Amino acid sequence: MIQFFIKHSKELTIVGALSILTICYFQQRELTKLRTKVEVVKAEADSIRSEDFIKYTIIGRYEITMEYLKEINPKVAKQTEEWMSHNTE
């Protein structure tokens, strides 16, 4: 058995090297696929953050407007708040 390895050491080395190169090639393909998926998920997360920012900005504007309305016309502000709490759920 040892003589076999000694006799064919060059061929075994070549086969081993080709095996390692093949494994590395397929690992790189998988890593490329995973990186692509990560980039897509990251882009979707950024999109959701942008949408949330816009919605929170709009909500903030409504809150400021309601506070202003309470100062200017408390009766209408109270009617609006009552309507929102009863008719929008």
C-alpha atoms as a PDB file:
ATOM      1  CA  MET A   1       0.000   0.000   0.000  1.00  0.00           C
ATOM      2  CA  ILE A   2       2.809   2.403   0.875  1.00  0.00           C
ATOM      3  CA  GLN A   3       4.570   1.512  -2.363  1.00  0.00           C
ATOM      4  CA  PHE A   4       1.371   2.367  -4.242  1.00  0.00           C
ATOM      5  CA  PHE A   5       1.315   5.845  -2.714  1.00  0.00           C
ATOM      6  CA  ILE A   6       5.006   6.355  -3.394  1.00  0.00           C
ATOM      7  CA  LYS A   7       4.655   5.135  -6.976  1.00  0.00           C
ATOM      8  CA  HIS A   8       1.583   7.272  -7.722  1.00  0.00           C
ATOM      9  CA  SER A   9       2.319  10.277  -5.509  1.00  0.00           C
ATOM     10  CA  LYS A  10       2.403  12.669  -8.467  1.00  0.00           C
ATOM     11  CA  GLU A  11      -1.000  11.525  -9.760  1.00  0.00           C
ATOM     12  CA  LEU A  12      -2.522  11.556  -6.266  1.00  0.00           C
ATOM     13  CA  THR A  13      -1.214  15.088  -5.721  1.00  0.00           C
ATOM     14  CA  ILE A  14      -2.780  16.243  -8.993  1.00  0.00           C
ATOM     15  CA  VAL A  15      -6.113  14.584  -8.142  1.00  0.00           C
ATOM     16  CA  GLY A  16      -6.049  16.149  -4.661  1.00  0.00           C
ATOM     17  CA  ALA A  17      -5.297  19.594  -6.050  1.00  0.00           C
ATOM     18  CA  LEU A  18      -8.065  19.316  -8.655  1.00  0.00           C
ATOM     19  CA  SER A  19     -10.489  18.188  -5.958  1.00  0.00           C
ATOM     20  CA  ILE A  20      -9.647  21.172  -3.775  1.00  0.00           C
ATOM     21  CA  LEU A  21      -9.984  23.560  -6.741  1.00  0.00           C
ATOM     22  CA  THR A  22     -13.380  22.071  -7.607  1.00  0.00           C
ATOM     23  CA  ILE A  23     -14.605  22.450  -4.029  1.00  0.00           C
ATOM     24  CA  CYS A  24     -13.367  26.065  -3.922  1.00  0.00           C
ATOM     25  CA  TYR A  25     -15.119  26.823  -7.221  1.00  0.00           C
ATOM     26  CA  PHE A  26     -18.485  25.542  -5.973  1.00  0.00           C
ATOM     27  CA  GLN A  27     -18.076  27.365  -2.662  1.00  0.00           C
ATOM     28  CA  GLN A  28     -17.446  30.622  -4.513  1.00  0.00           C
ATOM     29  CA  ARG A  29     -20.610  30.079  -6.581  1.00  0.00           C
ATOM     30  CA  GLU A  30     -22.636  29.561  -3.415  1.00  0.00           C
ATOM     31  CA  LEU A  31     -21.104  32.632  -1.785  1.00  0.00           C
ATOM     32  CA  THR A  32     -21.994  34.724  -4.836  1.00  0.00           C
ATOM     33  CA  LYS A  33     -25.612  33.542  -4.636  1.00  0.00           C
ATOM     34  CA  LEU A  34     -25.774  34.331  -0.926  1.00  0.00           C
ATOM     35  CA  ARG A  35     -24.272  37.791  -1.409  1.00  0.00           C
ATOM     36  CA  THR A  36     -26.885  38.531  -4.059  1.00  0.00           C
ATOM     37  CA  LYS A  37     -29.660  37.461  -1.692  1.00  0.00           C
ATOM     38  CA  VAL A  38     -28.222  39.585   1.111  1.00  0.00           C
ATOM     39  CA  GLU A  39     -28.112  42.625  -1.178  1.00  0.00           C
ATOM     40  CA  VAL A  40     -31.760  42.109  -2.157  1.00  0.00           C
ATOM     41  CA  VAL A  41     -32.844  41.792   1.480  1.00  0.00           C
ATOM     42  CA  LYS A  42     -30.814  44.875   2.383  1.00  0.00           C
ATOM     43  CA  ALA A  43     -32.448  46.878  -0.403  1.00  0.00           C
ATOM     44  CA  GLU A  44     -35.894  45.783   0.776  1.00  0.00           C
ATOM     45  CA  ALA A  45     -35.064  46.779   4.356  1.00  0.00           C
ATOM     46  CA  ASP A  46     -33.887  50.204   3.200  1.00  0.00           C
ATOM     47  CA  SER A  47     -37.120  50.614   1.254  1.00  0.00           C
ATOM     48  CA  ILE A  48     -39.205  49.743   4.314  1.00  0.00           C
ATOM     49  CA  ARG A  49     -37.234  52.212   6.443  1.00  0.00           C
ATOM     50  CA  SER A  50     -37.871  54.931   3.870  1.00  0.00           C
ATOM     51  CA  GLU A  51     -41.599  54.189   3.842  1.00  0.00           C
ATOM     52  CA  ASP A  52     -41.705  54.212   7.646  1.00  0.00           C
ATOM     53  CA  PHE A  53     -39.902  57.560   7.749  1.00  0.00           C
ATOM     54  CA  ILE A  54     -42.455  59.082   5.379  1.00  0.00           C
ATOM     55  CA  LYS A  55     -45.368  57.706   7.415  1.00  0.00           C
ATOM     56  CA  TYR A  56     -43.933  58.909  10.724  1.00  0.00           C
ATOM     57  CA  THR A  57     -43.389  62.336   9.189  1.00  0.00           C
ATOM     58  CA  ILE A  58     -47.031  62.473   8.080  1.00  0.00           C
ATOM     59  CA  ILE A  59     -48.240  61.312  11.512  1.00  0.00           C
ATOM     60  CA  GLY A  60     -46.108  64.005  13.134  1.00  0.00           C
ATOM     61  CA  ARG A  61     -47.667  66.634  10.903  1.00  0.00           C
ATOM     62  CA  TYR A  62     -51.165  65.500  11.883  1.00  0.00           C
ATOM     63  CA  GLU A  63     -50.230  65.641  15.572  1.00  0.00           C
ATOM     64  CA  ILE A  64     -48.848  69.159  15.206  1.00  0.00           C
ATOM     65  CA  THR A  65     -51.964  70.183  13.279  1.00  0.00           C
ATOM     66  CA  MET A  66     -54.241  68.794  16.001  1.00  0.00           C
ATOM     67  CA  GLU A  67     -52.312  70.681  18.680  1.00  0.00           C
ATOM     68  CA  TYR A  68     -52.651  73.859  16.636  1.00  0.00           C
ATOM     69  CA  LEU A  69     -56.362  73.208  16.122  1.00  0.00           C
ATOM     70  CA  LYS A  70     -56.811  72.765  19.884  1.00  0.00           C
ATOM     71  CA  GLU A  71     -55.353  76.220  20.407  1.00  0.00           C
ATOM     72  CA  ILE A  72     -57.328  77.904  17.609  1.00  0.00           C
ATOM     73  CA  ASN A  73     -60.677  76.109  17.832  1.00  0.00           C
ATOM     74  CA  PRO A  74     -60.965  73.683  20.771  1.00  0.00           C
ATOM     75  CA  LYS A  75     -64.562  72.723  19.919  1.00  0.00           C
ATOM     76  CA  VAL A  76     -63.669  71.531  16.404  1.00  0.00           C
ATOM     77  CA  ALA A  77     -60.564  69.783  17.745  1.00  0.00           C
ATOM     78  CA  LYS A  78     -62.663  67.865  20.272  1.00  0.00           C
ATOM     79  CA  GLN A  79     -65.216  66.920  17.598  1.00  0.00           C
ATOM     80  CA  THR A  80     -62.423  65.735  15.320  1.00  0.00           C
ATOM     81  CA  GLU A  81     -60.819  63.619  18.048  1.00  0.00           C
ATOM     82  CA  GLU A  82     -64.183  62.072  18.951  1.00  0.00           C
ATOM     83  CA  TRP A  83     -64.912  61.306  15.313  1.00  0.00           C
ATOM     84  CA  MET A  84     -61.456  59.739  14.852  1.00  0.00           C
ATOM     85  CA  SER A  85     -61.819  57.544  17.937  1.00  0.00           C
ATOM     86  CA  HIS A  86     -65.301  56.270  16.997  1.00  0.00           C
ATOM     87  CA  ASN A  87     -65.413  56.153  13.192  1.00  0.00           C
ATOM     88  CA  THR A  88     -61.960  55.131  12.017  1.00  0.00           C
ATOM     89  CA  GLU A  89     -61.554  51.718  13.628  1.00  0.00           C
END
